[in-house]
PDB file of N, CA and C in Angstrom:
ATOM      1  N   MET A   1      19.357 -14.515   1.505  1.00  0.00           N
ATOM      2  CA  MET A   1      18.485 -13.433   1.107  1.00  0.00           C
ATOM      3  C   MET A   1      18.141 -12.574   2.290  1.00  0.00           C
ATOM      4  N   ALA A   2      18.338 -11.308   2.158  1.00  0.00           N
ATOM      5  CA  ALA A   2      18.059 -10.383   3.267  1.00  0.00           C
ATOM      6  C   ALA A   2      16.483 -10.241   3.445  1.00  0.00           C
ATOM      7  N   SER A   3      16.012 -10.187   4.586  1.00  0.00           N
ATOM      8  CA  SER A   3      14.570 -10.031   4.806  1.00  0.00           C
ATOM      9  C   SER A   3      14.167  -8.531   4.782  1.00  0.00           C
ATOM     10  N   ARG A   4      12.962  -8.294   4.420  1.00  0.00           N
ATOM     11  CA  ARG A   4      12.520  -6.903   4.428  1.00  0.00           C
ATOM     12  C   ARG A   4      12.261  -6.398   5.789  1.00  0.00           C
ATOM     13  N   PRO A   5      12.505  -5.135   5.957  1.00  0.00           N
ATOM     14  CA  PRO A   5      12.207  -4.580   7.372  1.00  0.00           C
ATOM     15  C   PRO A   5      10.701  -4.599   7.503  1.00  0.00           C
ATOM     16  N   PRO A   6      10.226  -4.689   8.769  1.00  0.00           N
ATOM     17  CA  PRO A   6       8.843  -4.687   9.024  1.00  0.00           C
ATOM     18  C   PRO A   6       8.252  -3.297   8.630  1.00  0.00           C
ATOM     19  N   PHE A   7       6.930  -3.315   8.261  1.00  0.00           N
ATOM     20  CA  PHE A   7       6.243  -2.107   7.918  1.00  0.00           C
ATOM     21  C   PHE A   7       6.305  -1.207   9.060  1.00  0.00           C
ATOM     22  N   GLN A   8       6.535   0.128   8.752  1.00  0.00           N
ATOM     23  CA  GLN A   8       6.617   1.145   9.751  1.00  0.00           C
ATOM     24  C   GLN A   8       5.571   2.228   9.451  1.00  0.00           C
ATOM     25  N   GLU A   9       4.658   2.410  10.429  1.00  0.00           N
ATOM     26  CA  GLU A   9       3.636   3.430  10.227  1.00  0.00           C
ATOM     27  C   GLU A   9       4.363   4.784  10.319  1.00  0.00           C
ATOM     28  N   ARG A  10       4.046   5.629   9.290  1.00  0.00           N
ATOM     29  CA  ARG A  10       4.709   6.941   9.358  1.00  0.00           C
ATOM     30  C   ARG A  10       3.860   7.964  10.174  1.00  0.00           C
ATOM     31  N   ARG A  11       2.637   7.753  10.246  1.00  0.00           N
ATOM     32  CA  ARG A  11       1.720   8.658  10.908  1.00  0.00           C
ATOM     33  C   ARG A  11       2.041   8.647  12.417  1.00  0.00           C
ATOM     34  N   ARG A  12       1.888   9.873  13.052  1.00  0.00           N
ATOM     35  CA  ARG A  12       2.150   9.947  14.418  1.00  0.00           C
ATOM     36  C   ARG A  12       0.873   9.863  15.224  1.00  0.00           C
ATOM     37  N   ALA A  13      -0.255   9.800  14.583  1.00  0.00           N
ATOM     38  CA  ALA A  13      -1.560   9.847  15.241  1.00  0.00           C
ATOM     39  C   ALA A  13      -2.478   8.776  14.670  1.00  0.00           C
ATOM     40  N   LEU A  14      -3.238   8.122  15.557  1.00  0.00           N
ATOM     41  CA  LEU A  14      -4.164   7.120  15.096  1.00  0.00           C
ATOM     42  C   LEU A  14      -5.234   7.727  14.207  1.00  0.00           C
ATOM     43  N   ARG A  15      -5.476   7.067  13.088  1.00  0.00           N
ATOM     44  CA  ARG A  15      -6.612   7.542  12.179  1.00  0.00           C
ATOM     45  C   ARG A  15      -7.750   6.527  12.396  1.00  0.00           C
ATOM     46  N   VAL A  16      -8.990   7.086  12.518  1.00  0.00           N
ATOM     47  CA  VAL A  16     -10.128   6.257  12.610  1.00  0.00           C
ATOM     48  C   VAL A  16     -11.007   6.395  11.361  1.00  0.00           C
ATOM     49  N   PRO A  17     -11.695   5.324  10.986  1.00  0.00           N
ATOM     50  CA  PRO A  17     -12.654   5.482   9.811  1.00  0.00           C
ATOM     51  C   PRO A  17     -13.816   6.399  10.229  1.00  0.00           C
ATOM     52  N   VAL A  18     -14.206   7.210   9.303  1.00  0.00           N
ATOM     53  CA  VAL A  18     -15.343   8.054   9.414  1.00  0.00           C
ATOM     54  C   VAL A  18     -16.076   8.180   8.159  1.00  0.00           C
ATOM     55  N   ARG A  19     -17.280   8.698   8.333  1.00  0.00           N
ATOM     56  CA  ARG A  19     -18.107   9.110   7.171  1.00  0.00           C
ATOM     57  C   ARG A  19     -18.582  10.535   7.499  1.00  0.00           C
ATOM     58  N   LEU A  20     -17.759  11.497   7.191  1.00  0.00           N
ATOM     59  CA  LEU A  20     -18.098  12.907   7.510  1.00  0.00           C
ATOM     60  C   LEU A  20     -18.149  13.760   6.213  1.00  0.00           C
ATOM     61  N   LYS A  21     -19.080  14.502   6.109  1.00  0.00           N
ATOM     62  CA  LYS A  21     -19.084  15.525   4.993  1.00  0.00           C
ATOM     63  C   LYS A  21     -18.300  16.765   5.495  1.00  0.00           C
ATOM     64  N   GLY A  22     -17.615  17.339   4.496  1.00  0.00           N
ATOM     65  CA  GLY A  22     -16.831  18.505   4.823  1.00  0.00           C
ATOM     66  C   GLY A  22     -16.867  19.506   3.705  1.00  0.00           C
ATOM     67  N   ILE A  23     -16.392  20.719   3.995  1.00  0.00           N
ATOM     68  CA  ILE A  23     -16.319  21.745   2.965  1.00  0.00           C
ATOM     69  C   ILE A  23     -14.880  22.246   2.963  1.00  0.00           C
ATOM     70  N   VAL A  24     -14.265  22.297   1.739  1.00  0.00           N
ATOM     71  CA  VAL A  24     -12.949  22.883   1.650  1.00  0.00           C
ATOM     72  C   VAL A  24     -13.095  24.327   1.263  1.00  0.00           C
ATOM     73  N   LEU A  25     -12.573  25.179   2.115  1.00  0.00           N
ATOM     74  CA  LEU A  25     -12.627  26.653   1.915  1.00  0.00           C
ATOM     75  C   LEU A  25     -11.265  26.998   1.326  1.00  0.00           C
ATOM     76  N   ALA A  26     -11.322  27.427   0.085  1.00  0.00           N
ATOM     77  CA  ALA A  26     -10.077  27.837  -0.645  1.00  0.00           C
ATOM     78  C   ALA A  26     -10.336  29.204  -1.264  1.00  0.00           C
ATOM     79  N   GLY A  27     -10.010  30.267  -0.564  1.00  0.00           N
ATOM     80  CA  GLY A  27     -10.376  31.607  -1.038  1.00  0.00           C
ATOM     81  C   GLY A  27     -11.879  31.711  -1.140  1.00  0.00           C
ATOM     82  N   PRO A  28     -12.329  32.230  -2.258  1.00  0.00           N
ATOM     83  CA  PRO A  28     -13.818  32.373  -2.440  1.00  0.00           C
ATOM     84  C   PRO A  28     -14.465  31.033  -2.746  1.00  0.00           C
ATOM     85  N   ASN A  29     -13.734  29.948  -3.023  1.00  0.00           N
ATOM     86  CA  ASN A  29     -14.307  28.657  -3.416  1.00  0.00           C
ATOM     87  C   ASN A  29     -14.738  27.889  -2.191  1.00  0.00           C
ATOM     88  N   ARG A  30     -15.851  27.105  -2.382  1.00  0.00           N
ATOM     89  CA  ARG A  30     -16.432  26.258  -1.393  1.00  0.00           C
ATOM     90  C   ARG A  30     -16.671  24.905  -2.080  1.00  0.00           C
ATOM     91  N   LEU A  31     -15.830  23.953  -1.739  1.00  0.00           N
ATOM     92  CA  LEU A  31     -15.888  22.618  -2.348  1.00  0.00           C
ATOM     93  C   LEU A  31     -16.404  21.500  -1.437  1.00  0.00           C
ATOM     94  N   MET A  32     -17.358  20.774  -1.770  1.00  0.00           N
ATOM     95  CA  MET A  32     -17.939  19.717  -0.927  1.00  0.00           C
ATOM     96  C   MET A  32     -16.999  18.471  -0.987  1.00  0.00           C
ATOM     97  N   THR A  33     -16.774  17.804   0.177  1.00  0.00           N
ATOM     98  CA  THR A  33     -15.906  16.674   0.161  1.00  0.00           C
ATOM     99  C   THR A  33     -16.452  15.694   1.227  1.00  0.00           C
ATOM    100  N   ASN A  34     -15.953  14.447   1.201  1.00  0.00           N
ATOM    101  CA  ASN A  34     -16.287  13.461   2.173  1.00  0.00           C
ATOM    102  C   ASN A  34     -14.971  12.929   2.718  1.00  0.00           C
ATOM    103  N   LEU A  35     -14.964  12.867   4.122  1.00  0.00           N
ATOM    104  CA  LEU A  35     -13.793  12.284   4.783  1.00  0.00           C
ATOM    105  C   LEU A  35     -14.006  10.845   5.021  1.00  0.00           C
ATOM    106  N   THR A  36     -12.960  10.038   4.772  1.00  0.00           N
ATOM    107  CA  THR A  36     -13.035   8.585   5.020  1.00  0.00           C
ATOM    108  C   THR A  36     -12.251   8.155   6.262  1.00  0.00           C
ATOM    109  N   ASN A  37     -11.231   9.027   6.700  1.00  0.00           N
ATOM    110  CA  ASN A  37     -10.610   8.754   7.926  1.00  0.00           C
ATOM    111  C   ASN A  37     -10.143  10.049   8.484  1.00  0.00           C
ATOM    112  N   LEU A  38      -9.864  10.072   9.765  1.00  0.00           N
ATOM    113  CA  LEU A  38      -9.568  11.280  10.469  1.00  0.00           C
ATOM    114  C   LEU A  38      -8.701  11.018  11.644  1.00  0.00           C
ATOM    115  N   SER A  39      -7.783  11.935  11.955  1.00  0.00           N
ATOM    116  CA  SER A  39      -6.923  11.863  13.179  1.00  0.00           C
ATOM    117  C   SER A  39      -6.774  13.395  13.628  1.00  0.00           C
ATOM    118  N   VAL A  40      -5.949  13.482  14.720  1.00  0.00           N
ATOM    119  CA  VAL A  40      -5.676  14.858  15.115  1.00  0.00           C
ATOM    120  C   VAL A  40      -4.671  15.512  14.268  1.00  0.00           C
ATOM    121  N   SER A  41      -3.986  14.687  13.460  1.00  0.00           N
ATOM    122  CA  SER A  41      -2.918  15.357  12.524  1.00  0.00           C
ATOM    123  C   SER A  41      -3.329  15.409  11.084  1.00  0.00           C
ATOM    124  N   GLY A  42      -4.454  14.774  10.695  1.00  0.00           N
ATOM    125  CA  GLY A  42      -4.785  14.773   9.295  1.00  0.00           C
ATOM    126  C   GLY A  42      -6.042  13.962   8.872  1.00  0.00           C
ATOM    127  N   ALA A  43      -6.328  13.886   7.643  1.00  0.00           N
ATOM    128  CA  ALA A  43      -7.493  13.102   7.199  1.00  0.00           C
ATOM    129  C   ALA A  43      -7.297  12.682   5.755  1.00  0.00           C
ATOM    130  N   PHE A  44      -8.181  11.876   5.309  1.00  0.00           N
ATOM    131  CA  PHE A  44      -8.263  11.492   3.862  1.00  0.00           C
ATOM    132  C   PHE A  44      -9.601  11.920   3.310  1.00  0.00           C
ATOM    133  N   MET A  45      -9.528  12.717   2.216  1.00  0.00           N
ATOM    134  CA  MET A  45     -10.720  13.251   1.643  1.00  0.00           C
ATOM    135  C   MET A  45     -10.949  12.706   0.181  1.00  0.00           C
ATOM    136  N   VAL A  46     -12.246  12.615  -0.103  1.00  0.00           N
ATOM    137  CA  VAL A  46     -12.662  12.072  -1.440  1.00  0.00           C
ATOM    138  C   VAL A  46     -13.557  13.136  -2.077  1.00  0.00           C
ATOM    139  N   GLY A  47     -13.268  13.352  -3.365  1.00  0.00           N
ATOM    140  CA  GLY A  47     -14.222  14.255  -4.112  1.00  0.00           C
ATOM    141  C   GLY A  47     -13.598  15.584  -4.431  1.00  0.00           C
ATOM    142  N   VAL A  48     -12.400  15.791  -3.993  1.00  0.00           N
ATOM    143  CA  VAL A  48     -11.823  17.223  -4.180  1.00  0.00           C
ATOM    144  C   VAL A  48     -10.397  16.918  -4.800  1.00  0.00           C
ATOM    145  N   ASP A  49     -10.108  17.772  -5.753  1.00  0.00           N
ATOM    146  CA  ASP A  49      -8.708  17.727  -6.360  1.00  0.00           C
ATOM    147  C   ASP A  49      -7.978  18.959  -6.140  1.00  0.00           C
ATOM    148  N   ALA A  50      -6.716  18.781  -5.741  1.00  0.00           N
ATOM    149  CA  ALA A  50      -5.795  19.940  -5.447  1.00  0.00           C
ATOM    150  C   ALA A  50      -4.407  19.445  -5.670  1.00  0.00           C
ATOM    151  N   PRO A  51      -3.491  20.351  -6.005  1.00  0.00           N
ATOM    152  CA  PRO A  51      -2.113  19.986  -6.181  1.00  0.00           C
ATOM    153  C   PRO A  51      -1.413  19.670  -4.782  1.00  0.00           C
ATOM    154  N   LEU A  52      -0.392  18.821  -4.842  1.00  0.00           N
ATOM    155  CA  LEU A  52       0.453  18.604  -3.615  1.00  0.00           C
ATOM    156  C   LEU A  52       0.956  19.929  -3.059  1.00  0.00           C
ATOM    157  N   GLY A  53       0.923  20.169  -1.827  1.00  0.00           N
ATOM    158  CA  GLY A  53       1.348  21.395  -1.266  1.00  0.00           C
ATOM    159  C   GLY A  53       0.313  22.447  -1.158  1.00  0.00           C
ATOM    160  N   ALA A  54      -0.843  22.265  -1.797  1.00  0.00           N
ATOM    161  CA  ALA A  54      -1.875  23.298  -1.699  1.00  0.00           C
ATOM    162  C   ALA A  54      -2.374  23.391  -0.285  1.00  0.00           C
ATOM    163  N   GLN A  55      -2.712  24.601   0.100  1.00  0.00           N
ATOM    164  CA  GLN A  55      -3.199  24.787   1.531  1.00  0.00           C
ATOM    165  C   GLN A  55      -4.633  25.453   1.416  1.00  0.00           C
ATOM    166  N   ALA A  56      -5.462  25.055   2.344  1.00  0.00           N
ATOM    167  CA  ALA A  56      -6.857  25.566   2.409  1.00  0.00           C
ATOM    168  C   ALA A  56      -7.370  25.272   3.852  1.00  0.00           C
ATOM    169  N   ILE A  57      -8.605  25.435   4.063  1.00  0.00           N
ATOM    170  CA  ILE A  57      -9.303  25.174   5.267  1.00  0.00           C
ATOM    171  C   ILE A  57     -10.291  24.118   5.103  1.00  0.00           C
ATOM    172  N   LEU A  58     -10.341  23.181   6.038  1.00  0.00           N
ATOM    173  CA  LEU A  58     -11.396  22.053   6.042  1.00  0.00           C
ATOM    174  C   LEU A  58     -12.423  22.442   7.110  1.00  0.00           C
ATOM    175  N   ARG A  59     -13.606  22.515   6.731  1.00  0.00           N
ATOM    176  CA  ARG A  59     -14.728  22.747   7.718  1.00  0.00           C
ATOM    177  C   ARG A  59     -15.509  21.452   7.814  1.00  0.00           C
ATOM    178  N   VAL A  60     -15.616  20.910   9.108  1.00  0.00           N
ATOM    179  CA  VAL A  60     -16.408  19.734   9.415  1.00  0.00           C
ATOM    180  C   VAL A  60     -17.413  20.058  10.484  1.00  0.00           C
ATOM    181  N   ASP A  61     -18.508  19.373  10.452  1.00  0.00           N
ATOM    182  CA  ASP A  61     -19.441  19.477  11.545  1.00  0.00           C
ATOM    183  C   ASP A  61     -19.304  18.363  12.491  1.00  0.00           C
ATOM    184  N   LEU A  62     -18.715  18.561  13.622  1.00  0.00           N
ATOM    185  CA  LEU A  62     -18.536  17.654  14.700  1.00  0.00           C
ATOM    186  C   LEU A  62     -19.788  17.658  15.609  1.00  0.00           C
ATOM    187  N   PRO A  63     -20.063  16.691  16.464  1.00  0.00           N
ATOM    188  CA  PRO A  63     -21.182  16.719  17.331  1.00  0.00           C
ATOM    189  C   PRO A  63     -21.261  17.969  18.236  1.00  0.00           C
ATOM    190  N   ASP A  64     -20.111  18.572  18.501  1.00  0.00           N
ATOM    191  CA  ASP A  64     -20.199  19.732  19.376  1.00  0.00           C
ATOM    192  C   ASP A  64     -20.053  21.078  18.537  1.00  0.00           C
ATOM    193  N   GLY A  65     -20.289  20.946  17.186  1.00  0.00           N
ATOM    194  CA  GLY A  65     -20.336  22.176  16.396  1.00  0.00           C
ATOM    195  C   GLY A  65     -19.322  22.131  15.246  1.00  0.00           C
ATOM    196  N   PRO A  66     -19.448  23.135  14.384  1.00  0.00           N
ATOM    197  CA  PRO A  66     -18.517  23.244  13.254  1.00  0.00           C
ATOM    198  C   PRO A  66     -17.081  23.444  13.701  1.00  0.00           C
ATOM    199  N   LEU A  67     -16.138  22.931  12.841  1.00  0.00           N
ATOM    200  CA  LEU A  67     -14.709  23.121  13.185  1.00  0.00           C
ATOM    201  C   LEU A  67     -13.985  23.448  11.868  1.00  0.00           C
ATOM    202  N   ASP A  68     -13.136  24.485  11.887  1.00  0.00           N
ATOM    203  CA  ASP A  68     -12.404  24.917  10.745  1.00  0.00           C
ATOM    204  C   ASP A  68     -10.899  24.552  11.056  1.00  0.00           C
ATOM    205  N   VAL A  69     -10.268  23.744  10.146  1.00  0.00           N
ATOM    206  CA  VAL A  69      -8.913  23.366  10.401  1.00  0.00           C
ATOM    207  C   VAL A  69      -8.044  23.668   9.177  1.00  0.00           C
ATOM    208  N   PRO A  70      -7.004  24.453   9.230  1.00  0.00           N
ATOM    209  CA  PRO A  70      -6.142  24.638   8.071  1.00  0.00           C
ATOM    210  C   PRO A  70      -5.336  23.408   7.740  1.00  0.00           C
ATOM    211  N   PHE A  71      -5.096  23.110   6.456  1.00  0.00           N
ATOM    212  CA  PHE A  71      -4.421  21.923   6.036  1.00  0.00           C
ATOM    213  C   PHE A  71      -3.518  22.200   4.813  1.00  0.00           C
ATOM    214  N   THR A  72      -2.623  21.241   4.603  1.00  0.00           N
ATOM    215  CA  THR A  72      -1.899  21.128   3.297  1.00  0.00           C
ATOM    216  C   THR A  72      -2.029  19.770   2.748  1.00  0.00           C
ATOM    217  N   VAL A  73      -2.068  19.672   1.438  1.00  0.00           N
ATOM    218  CA  VAL A  73      -2.232  18.435   0.701  1.00  0.00           C
ATOM    219  C   VAL A  73      -0.910  17.731   0.757  1.00  0.00           C
ATOM    220  N   VAL A  74      -0.813  16.475   1.293  1.00  0.00           N
ATOM    221  CA  VAL A  74       0.454  15.705   1.299  1.00  0.00           C
ATOM    222  C   VAL A  74       0.446  14.401   0.453  1.00  0.00           C
ATOM    223  N   ARG A  75      -0.770  14.013  -0.016  1.00  0.00           N
ATOM    224  CA  ARG A  75      -0.847  12.845  -0.801  1.00  0.00           C
ATOM    225  C   ARG A  75      -1.957  12.955  -1.787  1.00  0.00           C
ATOM    226  N   LYS A  76      -1.793  12.458  -2.948  1.00  0.00           N
ATOM    227  CA  LYS A  76      -2.776  12.533  -4.027  1.00  0.00           C
ATOM    228  C   LYS A  76      -2.865  11.188  -4.713  1.00  0.00           C
ATOM    229  N   ILE A  77      -4.152  10.669  -4.878  1.00  0.00           N
ATOM    230  CA  ILE A  77      -4.352   9.462  -5.542  1.00  0.00           C
ATOM    231  C   ILE A  77      -5.263   9.836  -6.758  1.00  0.00           C
ATOM    232  N   LYS A  78      -4.781   9.572  -7.923  1.00  0.00           N
ATOM    233  CA  LYS A  78      -5.590  10.017  -9.097  1.00  0.00           C
ATOM    234  C   LYS A  78      -6.649   9.060  -9.412  1.00  0.00           C
ATOM    235  N   ASN A  79      -7.850   9.506  -9.521  1.00  0.00           N
ATOM    236  CA  ASN A  79      -9.047   8.863 -10.120  1.00  0.00           C
ATOM    237  C   ASN A  79     -10.059   9.848 -10.471  1.00  0.00           C
ATOM    238  N   LYS A  80     -11.140   9.506 -10.902  1.00  0.00           N
ATOM    239  CA  LYS A  80     -12.212  10.542 -11.334  1.00  0.00           C
ATOM    240  C   LYS A  80     -12.747  11.278 -10.251  1.00  0.00           C
ATOM    241  N   SER A  81     -12.704  10.829  -8.964  1.00  0.00           N
ATOM    242  CA  SER A  81     -13.333  11.560  -7.878  1.00  0.00           C
ATOM    243  C   SER A  81     -12.346  12.468  -7.063  1.00  0.00           C
ATOM    244  N   GLY A  82     -11.069  12.153  -7.240  1.00  0.00           N
ATOM    245  CA  GLY A  82     -10.093  12.932  -6.551  1.00  0.00           C
ATOM    246  C   GLY A  82     -10.024  12.451  -5.125  1.00  0.00           C
ATOM    247  N   ASN A  83      -8.896  11.951  -4.709  1.00  0.00           N
ATOM    248  CA  ASN A  83      -8.582  11.511  -3.340  1.00  0.00           C
ATOM    249  C   ASN A  83      -7.374  12.168  -2.873  1.00  0.00           C
ATOM    250  N   LEU A  84      -7.469  12.787  -1.656  1.00  0.00           N
ATOM    251  CA  LEU A  84      -6.326  13.618  -1.122  1.00  0.00           C
ATOM    252  C   LEU A  84      -6.068  13.196   0.336  1.00  0.00           C
ATOM    253  N   GLY A  85      -4.763  12.959   0.633  1.00  0.00           N
ATOM    254  CA  GLY A  85      -4.332  12.920   2.094  1.00  0.00           C
ATOM    255  C   GLY A  85      -3.929  14.273   2.487  1.00  0.00           C
ATOM    256  N   ILE A  86      -4.419  14.709   3.581  1.00  0.00           N
ATOM    257  CA  ILE A  86      -4.128  16.060   4.080  1.00  0.00           C
ATOM    258  C   ILE A  86      -3.494  15.991   5.459  1.00  0.00           C
ATOM    259  N   HIS A  87      -2.698  16.986   5.729  1.00  0.00           N
ATOM    260  CA  HIS A  87      -2.069  17.106   7.071  1.00  0.00           C
ATOM    261  C   HIS A  87      -2.562  18.450   7.612  1.00  0.00           C
ATOM    262  N   PHE A  88      -3.008  18.474   8.833  1.00  0.00           N
ATOM    263  CA  PHE A  88      -3.390  19.709   9.469  1.00  0.00           C
ATOM    264  C   PHE A  88      -2.169  20.510   9.861  1.00  0.00           C
ATOM    265  N   LEU A  89      -2.300  21.769   9.575  1.00  0.00           N
ATOM    266  CA  LEU A  89      -1.117  22.721   9.892  1.00  0.00           C
ATOM    267  C   LEU A  89      -1.018  22.968  11.348  1.00  0.00           C
ATOM    268  N   GLU A  90       0.249  23.109  11.775  1.00  0.00           N
ATOM    269  CA  GLU A  90       0.534  23.437  13.148  1.00  0.00           C
ATOM    270  C   GLU A  90       1.297  24.807  13.238  1.00  0.00           C
ATOM    271  N   PRO A  91       1.149  25.436  14.251  1.00  0.00           N
ATOM    272  CA  PRO A  91       0.454  25.078  15.511  1.00  0.00           C
ATOM    273  C   PRO A  91      -1.082  25.196  15.354  1.00  0.00           C
ATOM    274  N   MET A  92      -1.731  24.314  15.914  1.00  0.00           N
ATOM    275  CA  MET A  92      -3.184  24.294  15.833  1.00  0.00           C
ATOM    276  C   MET A  92      -3.703  24.919  17.143  1.00  0.00           C
ATOM    277  N   PRO A  93      -4.788  25.765  17.006  1.00  0.00           N
ATOM    278  CA  PRO A  93      -5.333  26.305  18.226  1.00  0.00           C
ATOM    279  C   PRO A  93      -5.698  25.180  19.203  1.00  0.00           C
ATOM    280  N   GLU A  94      -5.440  25.429  20.486  1.00  0.00           N
ATOM    281  CA  GLU A  94      -5.634  24.412  21.533  1.00  0.00           C
ATOM    282  C   GLU A  94      -7.071  23.802  21.461  1.00  0.00           C
ATOM    283  N   ASN A  95      -8.050  24.638  21.325  1.00  0.00           N
ATOM    284  CA  ASN A  95      -9.485  24.122  21.335  1.00  0.00           C
ATOM    285  C   ASN A  95      -9.720  23.189  20.121  1.00  0.00           C
ATOM    286  N   VAL A  96      -9.068  23.541  18.967  1.00  0.00           N
ATOM    287  CA  VAL A  96      -9.243  22.659  17.772  1.00  0.00           C
ATOM    288  C   VAL A  96      -8.655  21.260  17.956  1.00  0.00           C
ATOM    289  N   GLU A  97      -7.372  21.203  18.473  1.00  0.00           N
ATOM    290  CA  GLU A  97      -6.769  19.954  18.681  1.00  0.00           C
ATOM    291  C   GLU A  97      -7.518  19.184  19.737  1.00  0.00           C
ATOM    292  N   GLU A  98      -7.958  19.863  20.825  1.00  0.00           N
ATOM    293  CA  GLU A  98      -8.764  19.217  21.876  1.00  0.00           C
ATOM    294  C   GLU A  98     -10.080  18.583  21.304  1.00  0.00           C
ATOM    295  N   ARG A  99     -10.755  19.348  20.528  1.00  0.00           N
ATOM    296  CA  ARG A  99     -12.024  18.823  19.943  1.00  0.00           C
ATOM    297  C   ARG A  99     -11.821  17.655  18.994  1.00  0.00           C
ATOM    298  N   LEU A 100     -10.756  17.779  18.144  1.00  0.00           N
ATOM    299  CA  LEU A 100     -10.435  16.664  17.250  1.00  0.00           C
ATOM    300  C   LEU A 100     -10.052  15.459  18.050  1.00  0.00           C
ATOM    301  N   SER A 101      -9.216  15.631  19.061  1.00  0.00           N
ATOM    302  CA  SER A 101      -8.794  14.456  19.869  1.00  0.00           C
ATOM    303  C   SER A 101      -9.977  13.782  20.497  1.00  0.00           C
ATOM    304  N   ARG A 102     -10.882  14.574  21.088  1.00  0.00           N
ATOM    305  CA  ARG A 102     -11.984  14.039  21.791  1.00  0.00           C
ATOM    306  C   ARG A 102     -12.950  13.267  20.793  1.00  0.00           C
ATOM    307  N   TYR A 103     -13.147  13.774  19.633  1.00  0.00           N
ATOM    308  CA  TYR A 103     -13.939  13.158  18.603  1.00  0.00           C
ATOM    309  C   TYR A 103     -13.310  11.817  18.136  1.00  0.00           C
ATOM    310  N   VAL A 104     -12.024  11.814  17.906  1.00  0.00           N
ATOM    311  CA  VAL A 104     -11.299  10.595  17.440  1.00  0.00           C
ATOM    312  C   VAL A 104     -11.371   9.501  18.557  1.00  0.00           C
ATOM    313  N   ARG A 105     -11.131   9.975  19.814  1.00  0.00           N
ATOM    314  CA  ARG A 105     -11.219   9.045  20.915  1.00  0.00           C
ATOM    315  C   ARG A 105     -12.615   8.398  21.043  1.00  0.00           C
ATOM    316  N   ASP A 106     -13.660   9.182  20.845  1.00  0.00           N
ATOM    317  CA  ASP A 106     -14.981   8.658  20.876  1.00  0.00           C
ATOM    318  C   ASP A 106     -15.272   7.604  19.799  1.00  0.00           C
ATOM    319  N   ILE A 107     -14.766   7.861  18.621  1.00  0.00           N
ATOM    320  CA  ILE A 107     -14.908   6.909  17.441  1.00  0.00           C
ATOM    321  C   ILE A 107     -14.151   5.612  17.852  1.00  0.00           C
ATOM    322  N   GLU A 108     -12.896   5.804  18.394  1.00  0.00           N
ATOM    323  CA  GLU A 108     -12.072   4.674  18.721  1.00  0.00           C
ATOM    324  C   GLU A 108     -12.773   3.848  19.755  1.00  0.00           C
ATOM    325  N   ARG A 109     -13.402   4.438  20.834  1.00  0.00           N
ATOM    326  CA  ARG A 109     -14.168   3.665  21.830  1.00  0.00           C
ATOM    327  C   ARG A 109     -15.336   2.910  21.267  1.00  0.00           C
ATOM    328  N   GLN A 110     -16.059   3.560  20.255  1.00  0.00           N
ATOM    329  CA  GLN A 110     -17.198   2.898  19.668  1.00  0.00           C
ATOM    330  C   GLN A 110     -16.733   1.705  18.854  1.00  0.00           C
ATOM    331  N   LEU A 111     -15.569   1.871  18.196  1.00  0.00           N
ATOM    332  CA  LEU A 111     -15.034   0.745  17.346  1.00  0.00           C
ATOM    333  C   LEU A 111     -14.622  -0.469  18.255  1.00  0.00           C
ATOM    334  N   VAL A 112     -13.903  -0.154  19.329  1.00  0.00           N
ATOM    335  CA  VAL A 112     -13.545  -1.220  20.299  1.00  0.00           C
ATOM    336  C   VAL A 112     -14.777  -1.908  20.920  1.00  0.00           C
ATOM    337  N   ALA A 113     -15.742  -1.135  21.307  1.00  0.00           N
ATOM    338  CA  ALA A 113     -16.930  -1.661  21.907  1.00  0.00           C
ATOM    339  C   ALA A 113     -17.654  -2.569  20.873  1.00  0.00           C
ATOM    340  N   SER A 114     -17.695  -2.132  19.630  1.00  0.00           N
ATOM    341  CA  SER A 114     -18.395  -2.962  18.656  1.00  0.00           C
ATOM    342  C   SER A 114     -17.662  -4.228  18.352  1.00  0.00           C
ATOM    343  N   LEU A 115     -16.284  -4.233  18.391  1.00  0.00           N
ATOM    344  CA  LEU A 115     -15.539  -5.440  18.164  1.00  0.00           C
ATOM    345  C   LEU A 115     -15.635  -6.347  19.345  1.00  0.00           C
ATOM    346  N   ARG A 116     -15.889  -5.805  20.475  1.00  0.00           N
ATOM    347  CA  ARG A 116     -16.136  -6.701  21.645  1.00  0.00           C
ATOM    348  C   ARG A 116     -17.579  -7.120  21.748  1.00  0.00           C
ATOM    349  N   GLY A 117     -18.437  -6.609  20.933  1.00  0.00           N
ATOM    350  CA  GLY A 117     -19.882  -6.963  20.962  1.00  0.00           C
ATOM    351  C   GLY A 117     -20.632  -6.242  22.096  1.00  0.00           C
ATOM    352  N   GLU A 118     -20.037  -5.168  22.538  1.00  0.00           N
ATOM    353  CA  GLU A 118     -20.656  -4.400  23.614  1.00  0.00           C
ATOM    354  C   GLU A 118     -21.620  -3.337  22.963  1.00  0.00           C
ATOM    355  N   LYS A 119     -22.615  -2.928  23.791  1.00  0.00           N
ATOM    356  CA  LYS A 119     -23.448  -1.867  23.312  1.00  0.00           C
ATOM    357  C   LYS A 119     -22.819  -0.553  23.693  1.00  0.00           C
ATOM    358  N   GLU A 120     -23.076   0.465  22.788  1.00  0.00           N
ATOM    359  CA  GLU A 120     -22.543   1.802  23.088  1.00  0.00           C
ATOM    360  C   GLU A 120     -23.263   2.425  24.248  1.00  0.00           C
ATOM    361  N   SER A 121     -22.511   3.140  25.115  1.00  0.00           N
ATOM    362  CA  SER A 121     -23.144   3.741  26.304  1.00  0.00           C
ATOM    363  C   SER A 121     -23.288   5.219  26.130  1.00  0.00           C
TER     364      SER A 121
END
């Protein structure tokens, strides 16, 4: 019997768990959402429904201020609250990618410190 190939992660960037509120800007519409994970290449949103391939802008408030990131919907999980996997569109302005990267690294450091039982500095 042939063995299954090992699981391969398709994402090219580390995603970290988050609890961030966001706003989806789609034309004149403003839709509230919650992010449950985030990376420099995408995120997972809860509470918004959109078709695969839809494009809009995600606005999130990071510690250094609001950030607007254009995205496309790449994954959809149907349930009553709407769950979407999104991919941030490229090319991304340098300052946007830099800010996202810094925020994700900070969350990653906090997670590692908490797993080691260290206090945050």
